[in-house]
Amino acid sequence: MDETQTMLAALNASFPDIAGMDPLAARAAVDARIPPAQNLDDVAAAEDALVPSEHGGIPVRIYRPHAPSPSAPATVYAHGGGFLHGSIAGHDRFCRLWAAGTGSSVVSVEYRLAPEHLAPAPVADVVAVAHWLADRGEAARGLVLAGDSAGANLAAAAALTLRDRGSDLIAGQVLIYPMLDPRMQSESYRLRAEGYFVTARALRFYWETYLGGPAAEAAPDWRFMPQTAEDLSSLPPSITVTAGLDPLGDEGRDYAALLRGAGNTALHRHYPDQFHGFLTMPGYGPGASARSILWADFTRLFAGQNTVTKEHTP
């Protein structure tokens, strides 16, 4: 059994059946699995702050790299977790790796979660953090909006929000296996519905918790379905990462194609033998290799060494 099969077998056997739980119990069960970060020294400093907003303070953690790149924009990062769980603590290790690998300061956002706060509340939190950083003078080289899974959804919607406001803050987007379509009608949903860690059943549970009702009946709204925006042009360059064993794989691929078709620079990295969540898994070799590629792409596309074209990169 290779490393990927071993990891999938362990995840399938141990991950709680969240779709059979009360949402708050599901959150507690998943968050309890997250080990504390062991790579504290990967960054020079990590500081916590509260970003003021009309909804109250938004907790953030700012990671300062040991060797900051003079040309790298800061990164605003939205964690994954199906809009239901996840936290700064849960992505602490990954954000430290990001800062070390890219030379970018990383601002991890503790956005509001469902079911207490329904769509599109967390999008406003990500946008508020972007404005706060600009007000503090930390967006001189722009900002990259980034996230994985549900967090990638928020990053994409926040980029659209800021574009529509006429903002020039955003230098890029990084969308890691984005969760975009509550209708769940793609071929990857049918082929990868179960047996690959994140199941179609769990994803439906996440969507219905976030939308406050049956996901299939939700009217399209770009604030949680960015691909339905009438205009996808004039968006910053993007990197989209997808996995072939992921129910969400097709929608990430399709969104990258829509961005490219609208005239944007859109790099798509696809890993056919990987599963949802692989990029952030501690101690997982294929994830470490993919992160190295992501850091290099970040530098080329966003930090003044742009040699990436609009063509698909396998």
C-alpha atoms as a PDB file:
ATOM      1  CA  MET A   1       0.000   0.000   0.000  1.00  0.00           C
ATOM      2  CA  ASP A   2       1.560   3.328  -1.051  1.00  0.00           C
ATOM      3  CA  GLU A   3       1.618   6.485   1.054  1.00  0.00           C
ATOM      4  CA  THR A   4      -1.565   7.912  -0.447  1.00  0.00           C
ATOM      5  CA  GLN A   5      -3.559   4.704   0.035  1.00  0.00           C
ATOM      6  CA  THR A   6      -2.263   4.398   3.598  1.00  0.00           C
ATOM      7  CA  MET A   7      -3.285   7.965   4.421  1.00  0.00           C
ATOM      8  CA  LEU A   8      -6.722   7.563   2.829  1.00  0.00           C
ATOM      9  CA  ALA A   9      -7.351   4.330   4.710  1.00  0.00           C
ATOM     10  CA  ALA A  10      -6.459   6.014   8.002  1.00  0.00           C
ATOM     11  CA  LEU A  11      -8.649   9.048   7.283  1.00  0.00           C
ATOM     12  CA  ASN A  12     -11.623   6.969   6.143  1.00  0.00           C
ATOM     13  CA  ALA A  13     -11.404   4.851   9.292  1.00  0.00           C
ATOM     14  CA  SER A  14     -11.001   7.679  11.782  1.00  0.00           C
ATOM     15  CA  PHE A  15     -12.863  10.759  10.556  1.00  0.00           C
ATOM     16  CA  PRO A  16     -16.156  11.232  12.431  1.00  0.00           C
ATOM     17  CA  ASP A  17     -19.488  10.837  10.639  1.00  0.00           C
ATOM     18  CA  ILE A  18     -20.289  14.514  10.958  1.00  0.00           C
ATOM     19  CA  ALA A  19     -23.386  14.385   8.738  1.00  0.00           C
ATOM     20  CA  GLY A  20     -25.094  12.312  11.417  1.00  0.00           C
ATOM     21  CA  MET A  21     -24.402  14.866  14.161  1.00  0.00           C
ATOM     22  CA  ASP A  22     -25.751  18.162  15.378  1.00  0.00           C
ATOM     23  CA  PRO A  23     -23.628  20.851  13.672  1.00  0.00           C
ATOM     24  CA  LEU A  24     -22.064  22.131  16.892  1.00  0.00           C
ATOM     25  CA  ALA A  25     -21.243  18.591  18.004  1.00  0.00           C
ATOM     26  CA  ALA A  26     -19.693  17.976  14.580  1.00  0.00           C
ATOM     27  CA  ARG A  27     -17.562  21.087  14.976  1.00  0.00           C
ATOM     28  CA  ALA A  28     -16.313  19.981  18.365  1.00  0.00           C
ATOM     29  CA  ALA A  29     -15.555  16.459  17.129  1.00  0.00           C
ATOM     30  CA  VAL A  30     -13.480  17.649  14.167  1.00  0.00           C
ATOM     31  CA  ASP A  31     -11.648  20.463  15.918  1.00  0.00           C
ATOM     32  CA  ALA A  32     -10.665  18.108  18.738  1.00  0.00           C
ATOM     33  CA  ARG A  33      -8.598  16.104  16.229  1.00  0.00           C
ATOM     34  CA  ILE A  34      -6.229  18.960  15.381  1.00  0.00           C
ATOM     35  CA  PRO A  35      -2.771  18.619  16.979  1.00  0.00           C
ATOM     36  CA  PRO A  36      -0.880  21.742  18.048  1.00  0.00           C
ATOM     37  CA  ALA A  37       1.681  23.045  15.570  1.00  0.00           C
ATOM     38  CA  GLN A  38       5.220  21.750  16.067  1.00  0.00           C
ATOM     39  CA  ASN A  39       6.907  24.154  13.630  1.00  0.00           C
ATOM     40  CA  LEU A  40       6.783  27.317  15.714  1.00  0.00           C
ATOM     41  CA  ASP A  41      10.292  28.339  14.668  1.00  0.00           C
ATOM     42  CA  ASP A  42       9.383  28.454  10.972  1.00  0.00           C
ATOM     43  CA  VAL A  43       8.447  32.117  11.423  1.00  0.00           C
ATOM     44  CA  ALA A  44      10.142  35.010  13.158  1.00  0.00           C
ATOM     45  CA  ALA A  45       6.979  36.041  15.011  1.00  0.00           C
ATOM     46  CA  ALA A  46       3.270  35.351  15.251  1.00  0.00           C
ATOM     47  CA  GLU A  47       0.983  37.966  16.752  1.00  0.00           C
ATOM     48  CA  ASP A  48      -2.736  37.882  17.468  1.00  0.00           C
ATOM     49  CA  ALA A  49      -5.022  40.837  16.867  1.00  0.00           C
ATOM     50  CA  LEU A  50      -8.695  41.772  16.662  1.00  0.00           C
ATOM     51  CA  VAL A  51      -9.879  43.453  13.481  1.00  0.00           C
ATOM     52  CA  PRO A  52     -12.758  45.863  14.177  1.00  0.00           C
ATOM     53  CA  SER A  53     -15.911  45.407  12.133  1.00  0.00           C
ATOM     54  CA  GLU A  54     -19.566  46.283  12.389  1.00  0.00           C
ATOM     55  CA  HIS A  55     -20.159  42.735  13.605  1.00  0.00           C
ATOM     56  CA  GLY A  56     -17.534  42.856  16.353  1.00  0.00           C
ATOM     57  CA  GLY A  57     -13.863  41.965  16.503  1.00  0.00           C
ATOM     58  CA  ILE A  58     -12.523  39.452  13.975  1.00  0.00           C
ATOM     59  CA  PRO A  59      -9.603  37.463  15.410  1.00  0.00           C
ATOM     60  CA  VAL A  60      -6.534  37.202  13.179  1.00  0.00           C
ATOM     61  CA  ARG A  61      -3.015  35.845  13.585  1.00  0.00           C
ATOM     62  CA  ILE A  62      -0.192  37.525  11.679  1.00  0.00           C
ATOM     63  CA  TYR A  63       2.847  35.413  10.781  1.00  0.00           C
ATOM     64  CA  ARG A  64       6.111  37.226  10.016  1.00  0.00           C
ATOM     65  CA  PRO A  65       8.683  35.277   7.975  1.00  0.00           C
ATOM     66  CA  HIS A  66      12.338  35.122   8.959  1.00  0.00           C
ATOM     67  CA  ALA A  67      13.323  36.224   5.463  1.00  0.00           C
ATOM     68  CA  PRO A  68      10.552  38.471   4.138  1.00  0.00           C
ATOM     69  CA  SER A  69      10.530  38.819   0.373  1.00  0.00           C
ATOM     70  CA  PRO A  70      10.805  42.500  -0.603  1.00  0.00           C
ATOM     71  CA  SER A  71       8.423  41.924  -3.518  1.00  0.00           C
ATOM     72  CA  ALA A  72       5.887  39.477  -2.027  1.00  0.00           C
ATOM     73  CA  PRO A  73       2.377  40.712  -1.228  1.00  0.00           C
ATOM     74  CA  ALA A  74       0.925  39.807   2.140  1.00  0.00           C
ATOM     75  CA  THR A  75      -1.447  36.830   2.234  1.00  0.00           C
ATOM     76  CA  VAL A  76      -4.922  36.876   3.779  1.00  0.00           C
ATOM     77  CA  TYR A  77      -5.727  33.235   4.531  1.00  0.00           C
ATOM     78  CA  ALA A  78      -9.172  31.703   5.119  1.00  0.00           C
ATOM     79  CA  HIS A  79      -9.050  28.193   6.577  1.00  0.00           C
ATOM     80  CA  GLY A  80     -11.122  25.271   5.356  1.00  0.00           C
ATOM     81  CA  GLY A  81     -13.758  23.406   7.337  1.00  0.00           C
ATOM     82  CA  GLY A  82     -16.993  23.415   5.366  1.00  0.00           C
ATOM     83  CA  PHE A  83     -17.993  26.832   6.780  1.00  0.00           C
ATOM     84  CA  LEU A  84     -18.736  24.895  10.008  1.00  0.00           C
ATOM     85  CA  HIS A  85     -15.433  24.166  11.736  1.00  0.00           C
ATOM     86  CA  GLY A  86     -11.765  25.046  11.481  1.00  0.00           C
ATOM     87  CA  SER A  87      -9.838  27.862  13.090  1.00  0.00           C
ATOM     88  CA  ILE A  88      -6.618  29.799  13.273  1.00  0.00           C
ATOM     89  CA  ALA A  89      -5.297  27.050  15.542  1.00  0.00           C
ATOM     90  CA  GLY A  90      -6.239  24.334  13.077  1.00  0.00           C
ATOM     91  CA  HIS A  91      -4.229  25.978  10.274  1.00  0.00           C
ATOM     92  CA  ASP A  92      -1.432  27.316  12.459  1.00  0.00           C
ATOM     93  CA  ARG A  93       1.133  24.856  11.125  1.00  0.00           C
ATOM     94  CA  PHE A  94       0.184  25.437   7.499  1.00  0.00           C
ATOM     95  CA  CYS A  95       0.270  29.229   7.757  1.00  0.00           C
ATOM     96  CA  ARG A  96       3.749  29.051   9.270  1.00  0.00           C
ATOM     97  CA  LEU A  97       4.859  26.877   6.355  1.00  0.00           C
ATOM     98  CA  TRP A  98       3.290  29.377   3.927  1.00  0.00           C
ATOM     99  CA  ALA A  99       5.155  32.328   5.422  1.00  0.00           C
ATOM    100  CA  ALA A 100       8.446  30.421   5.433  1.00  0.00           C
ATOM    101  CA  GLY A 101       7.970  29.104   1.900  1.00  0.00           C
ATOM    102  CA  THR A 102       6.879  32.336   0.222  1.00  0.00           C
ATOM    103  CA  GLY A 103       8.474  35.111   2.270  1.00  0.00           C
ATOM    104  CA  SER A 104       4.991  36.599   2.565  1.00  0.00           C
ATOM    105  CA  SER A 105       3.454  37.790   5.807  1.00  0.00           C
ATOM    106  CA  VAL A 106       0.357  35.647   6.362  1.00  0.00           C
ATOM    107  CA  VAL A 107      -2.781  36.875   8.097  1.00  0.00           C
ATOM    108  CA  SER A 108      -4.998  33.974   9.152  1.00  0.00           C
ATOM    109  CA  VAL A 109      -8.657  34.926   9.627  1.00  0.00           C
ATOM    110  CA  GLU A 110     -10.987  33.476  12.272  1.00  0.00           C
ATOM    111  CA  TYR A 111     -14.112  34.256  10.278  1.00  0.00           C
ATOM    112  CA  ARG A 112     -17.630  33.654  11.551  1.00  0.00           C
ATOM    113  CA  LEU A 113     -18.944  30.109  11.178  1.00  0.00           C
ATOM    114  CA  ALA A 114     -22.259  28.459  10.434  1.00  0.00           C
ATOM    115  CA  PRO A 115     -24.798  27.614  11.734  1.00  0.00           C
ATOM    116  CA  GLU A 116     -24.587  30.727  13.932  1.00  0.00           C
ATOM    117  CA  HIS A 117     -23.713  32.879  10.905  1.00  0.00           C
ATOM    118  CA  LEU A 118     -25.102  31.935   7.504  1.00  0.00           C
ATOM    119  CA  ALA A 119     -23.882  32.828   4.012  1.00  0.00           C
ATOM    120  CA  PRO A 120     -22.387  35.238   3.101  1.00  0.00           C
ATOM    121  CA  ALA A 121     -21.354  36.502   6.566  1.00  0.00           C
ATOM    122  CA  PRO A 122     -17.762  35.176   6.506  1.00  0.00           C
ATOM    123  CA  VAL A 123     -17.059  36.842   3.158  1.00  0.00           C
ATOM    124  CA  ALA A 124     -17.557  40.205   4.876  1.00  0.00           C
ATOM    125  CA  ASP A 125     -15.001  39.185   7.504  1.00  0.00           C
ATOM    126  CA  VAL A 126     -12.328  38.421   4.902  1.00  0.00           C
ATOM    127  CA  VAL A 127     -13.034  41.731   3.144  1.00  0.00           C
ATOM    128  CA  ALA A 128     -12.852  43.616   6.444  1.00  0.00           C
ATOM    129  CA  VAL A 129      -9.437  42.099   7.180  1.00  0.00           C
ATOM    130  CA  ALA A 130      -8.181  43.161   3.741  1.00  0.00           C
ATOM    131  CA  HIS A 131      -9.259  46.766   4.351  1.00  0.00           C
ATOM    132  CA  TRP A 132      -7.754  46.717   7.856  1.00  0.00           C
ATOM    133  CA  LEU A 133      -4.392  45.618   6.499  1.00  0.00           C
ATOM    134  CA  ALA A 134      -4.482  48.397   3.931  1.00  0.00           C
ATOM    135  CA  ASP A 135      -5.295  50.927   6.659  1.00  0.00           C
ATOM    136  CA  ARG A 136      -2.273  49.668   8.631  1.00  0.00           C
ATOM    137  CA  GLY A 137       0.015  50.122   5.645  1.00  0.00           C
ATOM    138  CA  GLU A 138       0.561  46.379   5.198  1.00  0.00           C
ATOM    139  CA  ALA A 139      -0.754  46.161   1.636  1.00  0.00           C
ATOM    140  CA  ALA A 140       1.891  48.250  -0.128  1.00  0.00           C
ATOM    141  CA  ARG A 141       2.590  45.343  -2.495  1.00  0.00           C
ATOM    142  CA  GLY A 142      -1.026  44.270  -2.528  1.00  0.00           C
ATOM    143  CA  LEU A 143      -2.696  41.281  -0.926  1.00  0.00           C
ATOM    144  CA  VAL A 144      -3.166  37.700  -2.004  1.00  0.00           C
ATOM    145  CA  LEU A 145      -6.510  36.228  -0.952  1.00  0.00           C
ATOM    146  CA  ALA A 146      -6.068  32.531  -0.261  1.00  0.00           C
ATOM    147  CA  GLY A 147      -7.862  29.597   1.297  1.00  0.00           C
ATOM    148  CA  ASP A 148      -8.556  25.905   1.096  1.00  0.00           C
ATOM    149  CA  SER A 149     -11.930  24.235   0.532  1.00  0.00           C
ATOM    150  CA  ALA A 150     -14.612  26.487   2.077  1.00  0.00           C
ATOM    151  CA  GLY A 151     -11.908  29.074   2.699  1.00  0.00           C
ATOM    152  CA  ALA A 152     -11.148  29.131  -1.029  1.00  0.00           C
ATOM    153  CA  ASN A 153     -14.821  29.916  -1.635  1.00  0.00           C
ATOM    154  CA  LEU A 154     -14.502  32.910   0.692  1.00  0.00           C
ATOM    155  CA  ALA A 155     -11.283  34.069  -0.974  1.00  0.00           C
ATOM    156  CA  ALA A 156     -12.916  33.957  -4.411  1.00  0.00           C
ATOM    157  CA  ALA A 157     -16.043  35.804  -3.238  1.00  0.00           C
ATOM    158  CA  ALA A 158     -13.945  38.404  -1.411  1.00  0.00           C
ATOM    159  CA  ALA A 159     -11.928  39.035  -4.577  1.00  0.00           C
ATOM    160  CA  LEU A 160     -15.158  39.680  -6.481  1.00  0.00           C
ATOM    161  CA  THR A 161     -16.424  41.960  -3.711  1.00  0.00           C
ATOM    162  CA  LEU A 162     -13.293  44.078  -3.705  1.00  0.00           C
ATOM    163  CA  ARG A 163     -13.180  44.273  -7.496  1.00  0.00           C
ATOM    164  CA  ASP A 164     -16.774  45.506  -7.547  1.00  0.00           C
ATOM    165  CA  ARG A 165     -15.855  48.187  -5.015  1.00  0.00           C
ATOM    166  CA  GLY A 166     -13.143  49.445  -7.335  1.00  0.00           C
ATOM    167  CA  SER A 167     -10.356  48.338  -5.002  1.00  0.00           C
ATOM    168  CA  ASP A 168      -6.876  47.677  -6.347  1.00  0.00           C
ATOM    169  CA  LEU A 169      -5.758  45.929  -3.161  1.00  0.00           C
ATOM    170  CA  ILE A 170      -5.769  42.376  -4.475  1.00  0.00           C
ATOM    171  CA  ALA A 171      -2.637  41.116  -6.203  1.00  0.00           C
ATOM    172  CA  GLY A 172      -3.733  37.496  -6.496  1.00  0.00           C
ATOM    173  CA  GLN A 173      -5.876  34.575  -5.425  1.00  0.00           C
ATOM    174  CA  VAL A 174      -4.861  31.074  -4.318  1.00  0.00           C
ATOM    175  CA  LEU A 175      -7.793  28.664  -4.353  1.00  0.00           C
ATOM    176  CA  ILE A 176      -6.913  25.249  -2.935  1.00  0.00           C
ATOM    177  CA  TYR A 177      -9.501  22.583  -3.850  1.00  0.00           C
ATOM    178  CA  PRO A 178     -12.270  25.202  -3.683  1.00  0.00           C
ATOM    179  CA  MET A 179     -15.789  24.314  -2.500  1.00  0.00           C
ATOM    180  CA  LEU A 180     -18.039  26.244  -4.881  1.00  0.00           C
ATOM    181  CA  ASP A 181     -21.221  24.460  -5.921  1.00  0.00           C
ATOM    182  CA  PRO A 182     -24.033  23.509  -3.498  1.00  0.00           C
ATOM    183  CA  ARG A 183     -25.847  21.719  -6.330  1.00  0.00           C
ATOM    184  CA  MET A 184     -23.131  19.039  -6.301  1.00  0.00           C
ATOM    185  CA  GLN A 185     -23.900  17.846  -9.827  1.00  0.00           C
ATOM    186  CA  SER A 186     -20.412  17.357 -11.250  1.00  0.00           C
ATOM    187  CA  GLU A 187     -18.967  14.079 -12.422  1.00  0.00           C
ATOM    188  CA  SER A 188     -16.341  14.168  -9.658  1.00  0.00           C
ATOM    189  CA  TYR A 189     -19.139  14.207  -7.069  1.00  0.00           C
ATOM    190  CA  ARG A 190     -20.593  11.066  -8.625  1.00  0.00           C
ATOM    191  CA  LEU A 191     -17.287   9.251  -9.016  1.00  0.00           C
ATOM    192  CA  ARG A 192     -15.758  10.264  -5.656  1.00  0.00           C
ATOM    193  CA  ALA A 193     -18.882  10.375  -3.491  1.00  0.00           C
ATOM    194  CA  GLU A 194     -17.368   8.128  -0.822  1.00  0.00           C
ATOM    195  CA  GLY A 195     -14.165   6.353   0.021  1.00  0.00           C
ATOM    196  CA  TYR A 196     -11.881   9.369  -0.435  1.00  0.00           C
ATOM    197  CA  PHE A 197     -11.986  10.998   3.016  1.00  0.00           C
ATOM    198  CA  VAL A 198     -14.378  13.908   2.320  1.00  0.00           C
ATOM    199  CA  THR A 199     -17.695  12.444   1.180  1.00  0.00           C
ATOM    200  CA  ALA A 200     -20.560  13.878  -0.840  1.00  0.00           C
ATOM    201  CA  ARG A 201     -22.786  13.274   2.190  1.00  0.00           C
ATOM    202  CA  ALA A 202     -20.538  15.408   4.398  1.00  0.00           C
ATOM    203  CA  LEU A 203     -20.315  18.145   1.777  1.00  0.00           C
ATOM    204  CA  ARG A 204     -24.114  18.301   1.502  1.00  0.00           C
ATOM    205  CA  PHE A 205     -24.274  18.627   5.292  1.00  0.00           C
ATOM    206  CA  TYR A 206     -21.780  21.502   5.173  1.00  0.00           C
ATOM    207  CA  TRP A 207     -23.684  23.330   2.455  1.00  0.00           C
ATOM    208  CA  GLU A 208     -27.055  22.953   4.145  1.00  0.00           C
ATOM    209  CA  THR A 209     -25.607  24.180   7.421  1.00  0.00           C
ATOM    210  CA  TYR A 210     -24.063  27.218   5.713  1.00  0.00           C
ATOM    211  CA  LEU A 211     -27.130  28.061   3.625  1.00  0.00           C
ATOM    212  CA  GLY A 212     -29.686  27.300   6.316  1.00  0.00           C
ATOM    213  CA  GLY A 213     -31.702  24.920   4.165  1.00  0.00           C
ATOM    214  CA  PRO A 214     -31.604  22.441   1.273  1.00  0.00           C
ATOM    215  CA  ALA A 215     -28.564  23.283  -0.804  1.00  0.00           C
ATOM    216  CA  ALA A 216     -30.114  22.161  -4.080  1.00  0.00           C
ATOM    217  CA  GLU A 217     -32.898  24.735  -3.647  1.00  0.00           C
ATOM    218  CA  ALA A 218     -30.602  27.703  -3.045  1.00  0.00           C
ATOM    219  CA  ALA A 219     -30.857  30.455  -5.656  1.00  0.00           C
ATOM    220  CA  PRO A 220     -27.483  31.075  -7.305  1.00  0.00           C
ATOM    221  CA  ASP A 221     -25.626  33.894  -5.575  1.00  0.00           C
ATOM    222  CA  TRP A 222     -22.032  34.788  -6.431  1.00  0.00           C
ATOM    223  CA  ARG A 223     -21.332  35.513  -2.758  1.00  0.00           C
ATOM    224  CA  PHE A 224     -21.321  31.751  -2.140  1.00  0.00           C
ATOM    225  CA  MET A 225     -21.219  30.538  -5.779  1.00  0.00           C
ATOM    226  CA  PRO A 226     -18.530  32.774  -7.325  1.00  0.00           C
ATOM    227  CA  GLN A 227     -18.820  30.963 -10.648  1.00  0.00           C
ATOM    228  CA  THR A 228     -22.324  32.430 -11.132  1.00  0.00           C
ATOM    229  CA  ALA A 229     -21.095  36.037 -11.137  1.00  0.00           C
ATOM    230  CA  GLU A 230     -22.232  37.852 -14.287  1.00  0.00           C
ATOM    231  CA  ASP A 231     -18.733  39.222 -14.839  1.00  0.00           C
ATOM    232  CA  LEU A 232     -15.530  37.371 -13.973  1.00  0.00           C
ATOM    233  CA  SER A 233     -13.208  39.739 -15.789  1.00  0.00           C
ATOM    234  CA  SER A 234     -10.650  42.139 -14.267  1.00  0.00           C
ATOM    235  CA  LEU A 235      -9.769  39.761 -11.452  1.00  0.00           C
ATOM    236  CA  PRO A 236      -6.225  39.312 -10.165  1.00  0.00           C
ATOM    237  CA  PRO A 237      -4.034  36.388 -11.248  1.00  0.00           C
ATOM    238  CA  SER A 238      -4.970  33.113  -9.604  1.00  0.00           C
ATOM    239  CA  ILE A 239      -3.576  29.722  -8.692  1.00  0.00           C
ATOM    240  CA  THR A 240      -6.110  26.914  -8.344  1.00  0.00           C
ATOM    241  CA  VAL A 241      -5.076  23.557  -6.900  1.00  0.00           C
ATOM    242  CA  THR A 242      -7.281  20.502  -7.461  1.00  0.00           C
ATOM    243  CA  ALA A 243      -7.080  16.799  -6.612  1.00  0.00           C
ATOM    244  CA  GLY A 244      -8.282  13.907  -8.761  1.00  0.00           C
ATOM    245  CA  LEU A 245      -9.721  11.889  -5.859  1.00  0.00           C
ATOM    246  CA  ASP A 246     -11.743  14.839  -4.562  1.00  0.00           C
ATOM    247  CA  PRO A 247     -15.515  15.225  -5.044  1.00  0.00           C
ATOM    248  CA  LEU A 248     -14.772  18.946  -5.515  1.00  0.00           C
ATOM    249  CA  GLY A 249     -12.178  18.426  -8.229  1.00  0.00           C
ATOM    250  CA  ASP A 250     -14.349  19.338 -11.207  1.00  0.00           C
ATOM    251  CA  GLU A 251     -15.671  22.587  -9.799  1.00  0.00           C
ATOM    252  CA  GLY A 252     -12.182  23.866  -9.055  1.00  0.00           C
ATOM    253  CA  ARG A 253     -11.062  22.965 -12.574  1.00  0.00           C
ATOM    254  CA  ASP A 254     -14.141  24.600 -14.079  1.00  0.00           C
ATOM    255  CA  TYR A 255     -13.713  27.820 -12.082  1.00  0.00           C
ATOM    256  CA  ALA A 256     -10.092  28.129 -13.211  1.00  0.00           C
ATOM    257  CA  ALA A 257     -11.297  27.713 -16.805  1.00  0.00           C
ATOM    258  CA  LEU A 258     -13.960  30.401 -16.313  1.00  0.00           C
ATOM    259  CA  LEU A 259     -11.370  32.799 -14.919  1.00  0.00           C
ATOM    260  CA  ARG A 260      -9.075  32.123 -17.858  1.00  0.00           C
ATOM    261  CA  GLY A 261     -11.940  32.477 -20.330  1.00  0.00           C
ATOM    262  CA  ALA A 262     -12.764  35.899 -18.869  1.00  0.00           C
ATOM    263  CA  GLY A 263      -9.269  37.109 -19.714  1.00  0.00           C
ATOM    264  CA  ASN A 264      -7.568  36.606 -16.356  1.00  0.00           C
ATOM    265  CA  THR A 265      -4.252  34.909 -15.679  1.00  0.00           C
ATOM    266  CA  ALA A 266      -5.326  31.585 -14.160  1.00  0.00           C
ATOM    267  CA  LEU A 267      -2.856  28.828 -13.321  1.00  0.00           C
ATOM    268  CA  HIS A 268      -4.339  25.401 -12.564  1.00  0.00           C
ATOM    269  CA  ARG A 269      -2.302  22.753 -10.770  1.00  0.00           C
ATOM    270  CA  HIS A 270      -4.000  19.347 -10.791  1.00  0.00           C
ATOM    271  CA  TYR A 271      -2.855  16.317  -8.756  1.00  0.00           C
ATOM    272  CA  PRO A 272      -4.750  13.335 -10.191  1.00  0.00           C
ATOM    273  CA  ASP A 273      -3.741  10.827  -7.508  1.00  0.00           C
ATOM    274  CA  GLN A 274      -4.470  13.021  -4.485  1.00  0.00           C
ATOM    275  CA  PHE A 275      -7.481  13.654  -2.259  1.00  0.00           C
ATOM    276  CA  HIS A 276      -9.186  16.623  -0.642  1.00  0.00           C
ATOM    277  CA  GLY A 277      -7.048  18.086   2.118  1.00  0.00           C
ATOM    278  CA  PHE A 278      -3.755  16.552   1.012  1.00  0.00           C
ATOM    279  CA  LEU A 279      -1.852  19.843   0.777  1.00  0.00           C
ATOM    280  CA  THR A 280      -2.165  20.649   4.487  1.00  0.00           C
ATOM    281  CA  MET A 281      -1.684  17.135   5.925  1.00  0.00           C
ATOM    282  CA  PRO A 282       1.206  16.975   8.448  1.00  0.00           C
ATOM    283  CA  GLY A 283       3.900  14.454   7.624  1.00  0.00           C
ATOM    284  CA  TYR A 284       2.463  13.566   4.212  1.00  0.00           C
ATOM    285  CA  GLY A 285       5.068  13.436   1.456  1.00  0.00           C
ATOM    286  CA  PRO A 286       2.896  14.248  -1.592  1.00  0.00           C
ATOM    287  CA  GLY A 287       1.503  17.267   0.251  1.00  0.00           C
ATOM    288  CA  ALA A 288       5.010  18.532   0.989  1.00  0.00           C
ATOM    289  CA  SER A 289       5.969  18.184  -2.687  1.00  0.00           C
ATOM    290  CA  ALA A 290       2.852  20.066  -3.809  1.00  0.00           C
ATOM    291  CA  ARG A 291       3.557  22.835  -1.301  1.00  0.00           C
ATOM    292  CA  SER A 292       7.015  23.348  -2.781  1.00  0.00           C
ATOM    293  CA  ILE A 293       5.431  23.811  -6.195  1.00  0.00           C
ATOM    294  CA  LEU A 294       2.852  26.202  -4.737  1.00  0.00           C
ATOM    295  CA  TRP A 295       5.531  28.352  -3.105  1.00  0.00           C
ATOM    296  CA  ALA A 296       7.388  28.553  -6.432  1.00  0.00           C
ATOM    297  CA  ASP A 297       4.186  29.447  -8.282  1.00  0.00           C
ATOM    298  CA  PHE A 298       3.389  32.121  -5.688  1.00  0.00           C
ATOM    299  CA  THR A 299       6.806  33.696  -6.187  1.00  0.00           C
ATOM    300  CA  ARG A 300       6.608  33.658  -9.995  1.00  0.00           C
ATOM    301  CA  LEU A 301       3.045  34.891 -10.235  1.00  0.00           C
ATOM    302  CA  PHE A 302       2.781  37.387  -7.393  1.00  0.00           C
ATOM    303  CA  ALA A 303       6.268  38.474  -6.364  1.00  0.00           C
ATOM    304  CA  GLY A 304       7.656  40.127  -9.467  1.00  0.00           C
ATOM    305  CA  GLN A 305       8.977  37.032 -11.229  1.00  0.00           C
ATOM    306  CA  ASN A 306       5.906  36.323 -13.354  1.00  0.00           C
ATOM    307  CA  THR A 307       6.756  33.753 -16.020  1.00  0.00           C
ATOM    308  CA  VAL A 308       3.410  31.966 -15.821  1.00  0.00           C
ATOM    309  CA  THR A 309       1.051  32.215 -18.805  1.00  0.00           C
ATOM    310  CA  LYS A 310      -2.696  31.947 -18.995  1.00  0.00           C
ATOM    311  CA  GLU A 311      -2.417  28.421 -20.333  1.00  0.00           C
ATOM    312  CA  HIS A 312      -3.279  25.390 -18.229  1.00  0.00           C
ATOM    313  CA  THR A 313      -0.260  23.912 -16.452  1.00  0.00           C
ATOM    314  CA  PRO A 314      -0.646  20.201 -15.683  1.00  0.00           C
END
